[in-house]
Amino acid sequence: MDPPSPLLDAEGRRRAEVVLDLDNCCYPKSSAMGPHLLANITAFGVRKLGLREAEAREMAYRGYNRHGLAVAAYVEECGLDDIAGFMDFVHHEGVDYAALGVVPDPRLVAAVRAYGNVWVFTNGAHTHAHGCLAALGFDPAADFGERIISCYEQWGVRRPVKGVPLPPPEVWANKPHRAAYARAAARIDAPLPVVFADDVPKNLEVPHGLGWETVLVDESHPLDGAAYRHRPPEHPAAHYVVSHVADLFQPPLCLPVQAKSDTSVVP
């Protein structure tokens, strides 16, 4: 028998606050957005920091693997403090989202609007989040409003400001660091349980320990009738796994997780 939705109680009433990651979660990981961002991050390192291309790319991966953000290595190793300039360079205007594979997703839009008051929790910038959500078919202001939590908010900076340095690495408050989830929980501040969906397994570990219900979004696992209520054995930090984030809003919910490496990069 399929498990009930983690979002509704036995009488079909809303029972959770839904929090969604953005990149490779609300849109497919198979899109070209990841390579596009990595190319821009690498170009910034070359043009603005004087790095060789291979060195800039390796540094971006190093920042992502250590701290969940590619820019972390530029801050840590190159002394970058012009975060506003970095974000303007990486998330420049005129992005062709459709060409990058971020296209309208009517099923996701309908599911989010029907459920209501869904949050987005991203390590990316507000401008990037708004652009991607609009490309998916949302009206970011109407559908999410202030319920978009970016890494810069969690650092205590609503928008990056030139000349204002980031906190030291040990207090960076972005996923997968514990401080990120603590500050997100304070923002959400609701009596209902939190259901959090992300495509990166390590981003589920801390919230799982905090008592959030965790969902791994893995497009390589299409739903074919099998569903599991208990946590997938290959990744104990995930309560559920879905192939498309919209599947979270209706059963059947999940298939067992298959362990695999992640090479996506978030600025």
C-alpha atoms as a PDB file:
ATOM      1  CA  MET A   1       0.000   0.000   0.000  1.00  0.00           C
ATOM      2  CA  ASP A   2       1.363   3.445  -0.925  1.00  0.00           C
ATOM      3  CA  PRO A   3       2.255   5.689   2.012  1.00  0.00           C
ATOM      4  CA  PRO A   4       0.150   8.809   2.529  1.00  0.00           C
ATOM      5  CA  SER A   5       1.561  12.138   1.449  1.00  0.00           C
ATOM      6  CA  PRO A   6       3.943  13.586   4.062  1.00  0.00           C
ATOM      7  CA  LEU A   7       2.271  16.937   3.391  1.00  0.00           C
ATOM      8  CA  LEU A   8      -1.331  16.083   4.322  1.00  0.00           C
ATOM      9  CA  ASP A   9      -2.880  14.527   7.399  1.00  0.00           C
ATOM     10  CA  ALA A  10      -5.372  11.658   7.344  1.00  0.00           C
ATOM     11  CA  GLU A  11      -8.190  14.089   6.611  1.00  0.00           C
ATOM     12  CA  GLY A  12      -6.354  15.761   3.742  1.00  0.00           C
ATOM     13  CA  ARG A  13      -5.392  18.885   5.664  1.00  0.00           C
ATOM     14  CA  ARG A  14      -2.071  20.708   5.322  1.00  0.00           C
ATOM     15  CA  ARG A  15       0.307  19.285   7.929  1.00  0.00           C
ATOM     16  CA  ALA A  16       3.753  20.627   6.992  1.00  0.00           C
ATOM     17  CA  GLU A  17       5.771  23.606   5.871  1.00  0.00           C
ATOM     18  CA  VAL A  18       7.334  22.696   2.518  1.00  0.00           C
ATOM     19  CA  VAL A  19      10.845  23.988   1.835  1.00  0.00           C
ATOM     20  CA  LEU A  20      12.406  23.408  -1.592  1.00  0.00           C
ATOM     21  CA  ASP A  21      15.971  23.761  -2.771  1.00  0.00           C
ATOM     22  CA  LEU A  22      16.233  25.594  -6.105  1.00  0.00           C
ATOM     23  CA  ASP A  23      19.149  24.541  -8.317  1.00  0.00           C
ATOM     24  CA  ASN A  24      18.916  21.025  -9.794  1.00  0.00           C
ATOM     25  CA  CYS A  25      15.790  20.517  -7.694  1.00  0.00           C
ATOM     26  CA  CYS A  26      13.043  22.808  -8.984  1.00  0.00           C
ATOM     27  CA  TYR A  27      14.502  22.401 -12.457  1.00  0.00           C
ATOM     28  CA  PRO A  28      16.249  19.270 -13.820  1.00  0.00           C
ATOM     29  CA  LYS A  29      19.853  18.521 -12.947  1.00  0.00           C
ATOM     30  CA  SER A  30      20.218  17.513 -16.595  1.00  0.00           C
ATOM     31  CA  SER A  31      19.725  21.163 -17.623  1.00  0.00           C
ATOM     32  CA  ALA A  32      22.659  23.264 -18.812  1.00  0.00           C
ATOM     33  CA  MET A  33      22.348  25.736 -15.918  1.00  0.00           C
ATOM     34  CA  GLY A  34      25.093  24.053 -13.858  1.00  0.00           C
ATOM     35  CA  PRO A  35      27.714  24.169 -16.642  1.00  0.00           C
ATOM     36  CA  HIS A  36      26.647  27.744 -17.435  1.00  0.00           C
ATOM     37  CA  LEU A  37      27.233  28.850 -13.835  1.00  0.00           C
ATOM     38  CA  LEU A  38      30.548  27.003 -13.612  1.00  0.00           C
ATOM     39  CA  ALA A  39      31.743  28.686 -16.829  1.00  0.00           C
ATOM     40  CA  ASN A  40      30.853  32.112 -15.401  1.00  0.00           C
ATOM     41  CA  ILE A  41      32.464  31.349 -12.036  1.00  0.00           C
ATOM     42  CA  THR A  42      35.630  30.170 -13.794  1.00  0.00           C
ATOM     43  CA  ALA A  43      35.683  33.247 -16.060  1.00  0.00           C
ATOM     44  CA  PHE A  44      35.444  35.504 -13.002  1.00  0.00           C
ATOM     45  CA  GLY A  45      38.478  33.817 -11.488  1.00  0.00           C
ATOM     46  CA  VAL A  46      40.436  34.304 -14.695  1.00  0.00           C
ATOM     47  CA  ARG A  47      39.425  37.896 -15.468  1.00  0.00           C
ATOM     48  CA  LYS A  48      39.078  39.373 -11.994  1.00  0.00           C
ATOM     49  CA  LEU A  49      41.483  37.341  -9.867  1.00  0.00           C
ATOM     50  CA  GLY A  50      44.204  36.554 -12.397  1.00  0.00           C
ATOM     51  CA  LEU A  51      43.888  32.784 -12.090  1.00  0.00           C
ATOM     52  CA  ARG A  52      44.542  30.276 -14.830  1.00  0.00           C
ATOM     53  CA  GLU A  53      41.375  28.681 -16.189  1.00  0.00           C
ATOM     54  CA  ALA A  54      42.105  25.213 -14.791  1.00  0.00           C
ATOM     55  CA  GLU A  55      43.108  26.737 -11.448  1.00  0.00           C
ATOM     56  CA  ALA A  56      39.887  28.777 -11.236  1.00  0.00           C
ATOM     57  CA  ARG A  57      37.759  25.745 -12.071  1.00  0.00           C
ATOM     58  CA  GLU A  58      39.520  23.569  -9.499  1.00  0.00           C
ATOM     59  CA  MET A  59      39.142  26.308  -6.898  1.00  0.00           C
ATOM     60  CA  ALA A  60      35.415  26.550  -7.624  1.00  0.00           C
ATOM     61  CA  TYR A  61      34.998  22.824  -7.019  1.00  0.00           C
ATOM     62  CA  ARG A  62      37.108  23.079  -3.881  1.00  0.00           C
ATOM     63  CA  GLY A  63      34.878  25.819  -2.472  1.00  0.00           C
ATOM     64  CA  TYR A  64      31.766  23.832  -3.301  1.00  0.00           C
ATOM     65  CA  ASN A  65      33.088  20.628  -1.745  1.00  0.00           C
ATOM     66  CA  ARG A  66      34.311  22.353   1.437  1.00  0.00           C
ATOM     67  CA  HIS A  67      31.562  24.848   2.068  1.00  0.00           C
ATOM     68  CA  GLY A  68      28.713  24.252  -0.389  1.00  0.00           C
ATOM     69  CA  LEU A  69      29.587  27.385  -2.394  1.00  0.00           C
ATOM     70  CA  ALA A  70      32.114  27.811  -5.185  1.00  0.00           C
ATOM     71  CA  VAL A  71      32.748  31.450  -4.235  1.00  0.00           C
ATOM     72  CA  ALA A  72      33.908  30.294  -0.795  1.00  0.00           C
ATOM     73  CA  ALA A  73      37.303  29.339  -2.226  1.00  0.00           C
ATOM     74  CA  TYR A  74      37.735  32.763  -3.842  1.00  0.00           C
ATOM     75  CA  VAL A  75      36.984  34.350  -0.464  1.00  0.00           C
ATOM     76  CA  GLU A  76      39.135  31.940   1.512  1.00  0.00           C
ATOM     77  CA  GLU A  77      42.120  31.639  -0.824  1.00  0.00           C
ATOM     78  CA  CYS A  78      42.119  34.888  -2.807  1.00  0.00           C
ATOM     79  CA  GLY A  79      40.696  37.338  -0.268  1.00  0.00           C
ATOM     80  CA  LEU A  80      37.699  38.220  -2.434  1.00  0.00           C
ATOM     81  CA  ASP A  81      35.355  40.640  -0.685  1.00  0.00           C
ATOM     82  CA  ASP A  82      33.527  42.126  -3.674  1.00  0.00           C
ATOM     83  CA  ILE A  83      30.720  39.578  -3.480  1.00  0.00           C
ATOM     84  CA  ALA A  84      28.305  41.949  -5.212  1.00  0.00           C
ATOM     85  CA  GLY A  85      30.691  42.157  -8.160  1.00  0.00           C
ATOM     86  CA  PHE A  86      31.022  38.373  -8.226  1.00  0.00           C
ATOM     87  CA  MET A  87      27.255  37.853  -8.216  1.00  0.00           C
ATOM     88  CA  ASP A  88      26.717  40.492 -10.912  1.00  0.00           C
ATOM     89  CA  PHE A  89      29.326  38.758 -13.067  1.00  0.00           C
ATOM     90  CA  VAL A  90      27.984  35.233 -12.573  1.00  0.00           C
ATOM     91  CA  HIS A  91      24.264  36.080 -12.659  1.00  0.00           C
ATOM     92  CA  HIS A  92      24.327  38.743 -15.351  1.00  0.00           C
ATOM     93  CA  GLU A  93      21.169  40.055 -16.976  1.00  0.00           C
ATOM     94  CA  GLY A  94      19.902  38.622 -20.224  1.00  0.00           C
ATOM     95  CA  VAL A  95      20.213  34.930 -19.329  1.00  0.00           C
ATOM     96  CA  ASP A  96      18.364  32.736 -21.832  1.00  0.00           C
ATOM     97  CA  TYR A  97      16.818  30.312 -19.358  1.00  0.00           C
ATOM     98  CA  ALA A  98      15.018  28.303 -22.022  1.00  0.00           C
ATOM     99  CA  ALA A  99      18.282  27.684 -23.881  1.00  0.00           C
ATOM    100  CA  LEU A 100      19.749  26.393 -20.598  1.00  0.00           C
ATOM    101  CA  GLY A 101      16.849  23.983 -20.064  1.00  0.00           C
ATOM    102  CA  VAL A 102      14.999  25.936 -17.367  1.00  0.00           C
ATOM    103  CA  VAL A 103      11.543  26.006 -18.943  1.00  0.00           C
ATOM    104  CA  PRO A 104       7.946  26.312 -17.721  1.00  0.00           C
ATOM    105  CA  ASP A 105       6.854  23.436 -15.497  1.00  0.00           C
ATOM    106  CA  PRO A 106       3.045  23.670 -15.235  1.00  0.00           C
ATOM    107  CA  ARG A 107       2.784  20.626 -12.955  1.00  0.00           C
ATOM    108  CA  LEU A 108       5.182  22.061 -10.381  1.00  0.00           C
ATOM    109  CA  VAL A 109       3.583  25.500 -10.546  1.00  0.00           C
ATOM    110  CA  ALA A 110       0.110  24.032 -10.061  1.00  0.00           C
ATOM    111  CA  ALA A 111       1.257  21.837  -7.161  1.00  0.00           C
ATOM    112  CA  VAL A 112       2.996  24.690  -5.331  1.00  0.00           C
ATOM    113  CA  ARG A 113       0.070  27.061  -5.818  1.00  0.00           C
ATOM    114  CA  ALA A 114      -2.449  24.453  -4.704  1.00  0.00           C
ATOM    115  CA  TYR A 115      -0.520  23.682  -1.530  1.00  0.00           C
ATOM    116  CA  GLY A 116       0.314  27.303  -0.760  1.00  0.00           C
ATOM    117  CA  ASN A 117       2.993  29.089   1.264  1.00  0.00           C
ATOM    118  CA  VAL A 118       5.876  26.983  -0.063  1.00  0.00           C
ATOM    119  CA  TRP A 119       9.416  28.189   0.717  1.00  0.00           C
ATOM    120  CA  VAL A 120      12.572  28.189  -1.426  1.00  0.00           C
ATOM    121  CA  PHE A 121      15.884  27.709   0.429  1.00  0.00           C
ATOM    122  CA  THR A 122      18.909  28.251  -1.803  1.00  0.00           C
ATOM    123  CA  ASN A 123      22.642  28.832  -1.587  1.00  0.00           C
ATOM    124  CA  GLY A 124      22.271  31.077  -4.638  1.00  0.00           C
ATOM    125  CA  ALA A 125      21.391  34.756  -4.908  1.00  0.00           C
ATOM    126  CA  HIS A 126      17.929  36.323  -4.874  1.00  0.00           C
ATOM    127  CA  THR A 127      18.341  37.492  -8.467  1.00  0.00           C
ATOM    128  CA  HIS A 128      19.168  33.971  -9.621  1.00  0.00           C
ATOM    129  CA  ALA A 129      16.263  32.494  -7.663  1.00  0.00           C
ATOM    130  CA  HIS A 130      13.785  34.998  -9.071  1.00  0.00           C
ATOM    131  CA  GLY A 131      15.041  34.425 -12.622  1.00  0.00           C
ATOM    132  CA  CYS A 132      14.800  30.640 -12.390  1.00  0.00           C
ATOM    133  CA  LEU A 133      11.383  30.692 -10.719  1.00  0.00           C
ATOM    134  CA  ALA A 134      10.018  33.063 -13.353  1.00  0.00           C
ATOM    135  CA  ALA A 135      11.409  30.821 -16.100  1.00  0.00           C
ATOM    136  CA  LEU A 136       9.602  27.858 -14.502  1.00  0.00           C
ATOM    137  CA  GLY A 137       6.323  29.754 -14.819  1.00  0.00           C
ATOM    138  CA  PHE A 138       5.983  31.212 -11.331  1.00  0.00           C
ATOM    139  CA  ASP A 139       5.304  34.786 -10.391  1.00  0.00           C
ATOM    140  CA  PRO A 140       8.073  34.957  -7.748  1.00  0.00           C
ATOM    141  CA  ALA A 141       6.586  37.927  -5.904  1.00  0.00           C
ATOM    142  CA  ALA A 142       3.066  36.494  -5.777  1.00  0.00           C
ATOM    143  CA  ASP A 143       3.899  32.803  -5.373  1.00  0.00           C
ATOM    144  CA  PHE A 144       6.762  33.142  -2.866  1.00  0.00           C
ATOM    145  CA  GLY A 145       7.060  36.755  -1.700  1.00  0.00           C
ATOM    146  CA  GLU A 146       9.409  36.828   1.280  1.00  0.00           C
ATOM    147  CA  ARG A 147       9.582  33.025   1.413  1.00  0.00           C
ATOM    148  CA  ILE A 148      12.810  32.891  -0.618  1.00  0.00           C
ATOM    149  CA  ILE A 149      15.754  32.316   1.718  1.00  0.00           C
ATOM    150  CA  SER A 150      19.165  32.872   0.113  1.00  0.00           C
ATOM    151  CA  CYS A 151      22.617  32.267   1.534  1.00  0.00           C
ATOM    152  CA  TYR A 152      23.193  36.012   1.732  1.00  0.00           C
ATOM    153  CA  GLU A 153      20.206  36.487   4.012  1.00  0.00           C
ATOM    154  CA  GLN A 154      21.622  33.800   6.261  1.00  0.00           C
ATOM    155  CA  TRP A 155      24.940  35.595   6.461  1.00  0.00           C
ATOM    156  CA  GLY A 156      22.928  38.538   7.763  1.00  0.00           C
ATOM    157  CA  VAL A 157      23.272  40.460   4.484  1.00  0.00           C
ATOM    158  CA  ARG A 158      20.042  40.983   2.575  1.00  0.00           C
ATOM    159  CA  ARG A 159      22.008  41.939  -0.535  1.00  0.00           C
ATOM    160  CA  PRO A 160      25.783  41.587  -1.017  1.00  0.00           C
ATOM    161  CA  VAL A 161      27.504  44.923  -0.380  1.00  0.00           C
ATOM    162  CA  LYS A 162      30.862  45.833  -1.924  1.00  0.00           C
ATOM    163  CA  GLY A 163      33.545  46.193   0.712  1.00  0.00           C
ATOM    164  CA  VAL A 164      31.609  44.284   3.373  1.00  0.00           C
ATOM    165  CA  PRO A 165      33.530  41.042   3.966  1.00  0.00           C
ATOM    166  CA  LEU A 166      31.830  37.712   4.511  1.00  0.00           C
ATOM    167  CA  PRO A 167      31.993  36.067   7.921  1.00  0.00           C
ATOM    168  CA  PRO A 168      34.914  33.685   8.436  1.00  0.00           C
ATOM    169  CA  PRO A 169      34.422  30.171   7.017  1.00  0.00           C
ATOM    170  CA  GLU A 170      33.606  28.595  10.362  1.00  0.00           C
ATOM    171  CA  VAL A 171      30.426  30.685  10.658  1.00  0.00           C
ATOM    172  CA  TRP A 172      29.291  30.660   7.037  1.00  0.00           C
ATOM    173  CA  ALA A 173      25.584  30.016   7.156  1.00  0.00           C
ATOM    174  CA  ASN A 174      24.818  28.222   3.924  1.00  0.00           C
ATOM    175  CA  LYS A 175      23.925  24.606   3.243  1.00  0.00           C
ATOM    176  CA  PRO A 176      25.255  22.159   4.386  1.00  0.00           C
ATOM    177  CA  HIS A 177      26.372  24.101   7.504  1.00  0.00           C
ATOM    178  CA  ARG A 178      24.187  23.781  10.596  1.00  0.00           C
ATOM    179  CA  ALA A 179      23.833  27.552  11.028  1.00  0.00           C
ATOM    180  CA  ALA A 180      22.015  27.746   7.696  1.00  0.00           C
ATOM    181  CA  TYR A 181      19.217  25.454   8.830  1.00  0.00           C
ATOM    182  CA  ALA A 182      18.962  27.108  12.237  1.00  0.00           C
ATOM    183  CA  ARG A 183      18.488  30.515  10.649  1.00  0.00           C
ATOM    184  CA  ALA A 184      16.077  29.116   8.057  1.00  0.00           C
ATOM    185  CA  ALA A 185      14.025  27.530  10.844  1.00  0.00           C
ATOM    186  CA  ALA A 186      13.914  30.891  12.624  1.00  0.00           C
ATOM    187  CA  ARG A 187      12.661  32.528   9.434  1.00  0.00           C
ATOM    188  CA  ILE A 188       9.993  29.883   8.847  1.00  0.00           C
ATOM    189  CA  ASP A 189       8.946  29.959  12.512  1.00  0.00           C
ATOM    190  CA  ALA A 190       5.857  27.760  12.159  1.00  0.00           C
ATOM    191  CA  PRO A 191       4.352  25.134  14.464  1.00  0.00           C
ATOM    192  CA  LEU A 192       3.984  22.613  11.621  1.00  0.00           C
ATOM    193  CA  PRO A 193       6.709  20.059  10.781  1.00  0.00           C
ATOM    194  CA  VAL A 194       9.159  21.055   8.034  1.00  0.00           C
ATOM    195  CA  VAL A 195       9.471  18.901   4.886  1.00  0.00           C
ATOM    196  CA  PHE A 196      12.686  19.799   3.059  1.00  0.00           C
ATOM    197  CA  ALA A 197      13.595  18.678  -0.470  1.00  0.00           C
ATOM    198  CA  ASP A 198      17.116  18.915  -1.937  1.00  0.00           C
ATOM    199  CA  ASP A 199      19.045  17.115  -4.676  1.00  0.00           C
ATOM    200  CA  VAL A 200      22.321  16.944  -2.681  1.00  0.00           C
ATOM    201  CA  PRO A 201      22.400  14.098  -0.131  1.00  0.00           C
ATOM    202  CA  LYS A 202      24.789  15.847   2.265  1.00  0.00           C
ATOM    203  CA  ASN A 203      22.395  18.801   2.457  1.00  0.00           C
ATOM    204  CA  LEU A 204      19.864  16.479   4.093  1.00  0.00           C
ATOM    205  CA  GLU A 205      22.081  15.278   6.937  1.00  0.00           C
ATOM    206  CA  VAL A 206      21.816  18.270   9.294  1.00  0.00           C
ATOM    207  CA  PRO A 207      18.073  18.877   8.796  1.00  0.00           C
ATOM    208  CA  HIS A 208      17.411  15.168   9.276  1.00  0.00           C
ATOM    209  CA  GLY A 209      19.180  15.406  12.611  1.00  0.00           C
ATOM    210  CA  LEU A 210      17.122  18.478  13.493  1.00  0.00           C
ATOM    211  CA  GLY A 211      13.901  16.537  12.992  1.00  0.00           C
ATOM    212  CA  TRP A 212      12.926  17.849   9.565  1.00  0.00           C
ATOM    213  CA  GLU A 213      11.392  15.329   7.173  1.00  0.00           C
ATOM    214  CA  THR A 214      13.863  15.093   4.298  1.00  0.00           C
ATOM    215  CA  VAL A 215      13.300  14.363   0.618  1.00  0.00           C
ATOM    216  CA  LEU A 216      16.022  13.567  -1.906  1.00  0.00           C
ATOM    217  CA  VAL A 217      15.138  14.713  -5.435  1.00  0.00           C
ATOM    218  CA  ASP A 218      16.812  12.371  -7.918  1.00  0.00           C
ATOM    219  CA  GLU A 219      15.614  12.503 -11.513  1.00  0.00           C
ATOM    220  CA  SER A 220      17.409   9.241 -12.334  1.00  0.00           C
ATOM    221  CA  HIS A 221      14.730   7.335 -10.383  1.00  0.00           C
ATOM    222  CA  PRO A 222      11.399   7.554 -12.219  1.00  0.00           C
ATOM    223  CA  LEU A 223       8.416   6.472 -10.179  1.00  0.00           C
ATOM    224  CA  ASP A 224       7.104   3.161 -11.488  1.00  0.00           C
ATOM    225  CA  GLY A 225       4.610   2.156  -8.847  1.00  0.00           C
ATOM    226  CA  ALA A 226       6.979   1.245  -6.022  1.00  0.00           C
ATOM    227  CA  ALA A 227       6.914   3.519  -2.983  1.00  0.00           C
ATOM    228  CA  TYR A 228       8.645   3.428   0.393  1.00  0.00           C
ATOM    229  CA  ARG A 229       7.523   5.108   3.558  1.00  0.00           C
ATOM    230  CA  HIS A 230      10.721   4.343   5.456  1.00  0.00           C
ATOM    231  CA  ARG A 231      14.039   6.024   4.778  1.00  0.00           C
ATOM    232  CA  PRO A 232      15.878   4.667   1.710  1.00  0.00           C
ATOM    233  CA  PRO A 233      18.584   2.218   2.856  1.00  0.00           C
ATOM    234  CA  GLU A 234      21.329   3.657   0.625  1.00  0.00           C
ATOM    235  CA  HIS A 235      20.978   7.075   2.247  1.00  0.00           C
ATOM    236  CA  PRO A 236      19.653   7.129   5.800  1.00  0.00           C
ATOM    237  CA  ALA A 237      19.393  10.942   5.913  1.00  0.00           C
ATOM    238  CA  ALA A 238      16.547  10.862   3.372  1.00  0.00           C
ATOM    239  CA  HIS A 239      13.052   9.950   4.534  1.00  0.00           C
ATOM    240  CA  TYR A 240      11.838   9.892   0.924  1.00  0.00           C
ATOM    241  CA  VAL A 241      13.187  10.074  -2.603  1.00  0.00           C
ATOM    242  CA  VAL A 242      11.299  11.462  -5.605  1.00  0.00           C
ATOM    243  CA  SER A 243      12.276  11.784  -9.246  1.00  0.00           C
ATOM    244  CA  HIS A 244      10.593  15.170  -9.673  1.00  0.00           C
ATOM    245  CA  VAL A 245       9.974  17.672  -6.907  1.00  0.00           C
ATOM    246  CA  ALA A 246       6.299  17.920  -7.890  1.00  0.00           C
ATOM    247  CA  ASP A 247       5.938  14.235  -6.964  1.00  0.00           C
ATOM    248  CA  LEU A 248       6.377  15.283  -3.348  1.00  0.00           C
ATOM    249  CA  PHE A 249       2.873  16.732  -3.392  1.00  0.00           C
ATOM    250  CA  GLN A 250       1.185  13.436  -4.271  1.00  0.00           C
ATOM    251  CA  PRO A 251       1.777   9.695  -3.643  1.00  0.00           C
ATOM    252  CA  PRO A 252       3.395   7.394  -4.607  1.00  0.00           C
ATOM    253  CA  LEU A 253       6.372   9.092  -3.067  1.00  0.00           C
ATOM    254  CA  CYS A 254       9.670   7.365  -3.510  1.00  0.00           C
ATOM    255  CA  LEU A 255      12.053   4.632  -4.605  1.00  0.00           C
ATOM    256  CA  PRO A 256      15.267   3.469  -2.890  1.00  0.00           C
ATOM    257  CA  VAL A 257      18.201   5.818  -3.327  1.00  0.00           C
ATOM    258  CA  GLN A 258      21.242   4.718  -5.325  1.00  0.00           C
ATOM    259  CA  ALA A 259      24.493   6.233  -4.094  1.00  0.00           C
ATOM    260  CA  LYS A 260      26.333   8.346  -6.656  1.00  0.00           C
ATOM    261  CA  SER A 261      28.738  11.272  -6.759  1.00  0.00           C
ATOM    262  CA  ASP A 262      27.617  14.865  -7.249  1.00  0.00           C
ATOM    263  CA  THR A 263      29.608  17.249  -9.443  1.00  0.00           C
ATOM    264  CA  SER A 264      27.239  20.215  -9.659  1.00  0.00           C
ATOM    265  CA  VAL A 265      28.525  23.575  -8.534  1.00  0.00           C
ATOM    266  CA  VAL A 266      26.586  26.356  -6.813  1.00  0.00           C
ATOM    267  CA  PRO A 267      28.090  29.829  -6.661  1.00  0.00           C
END
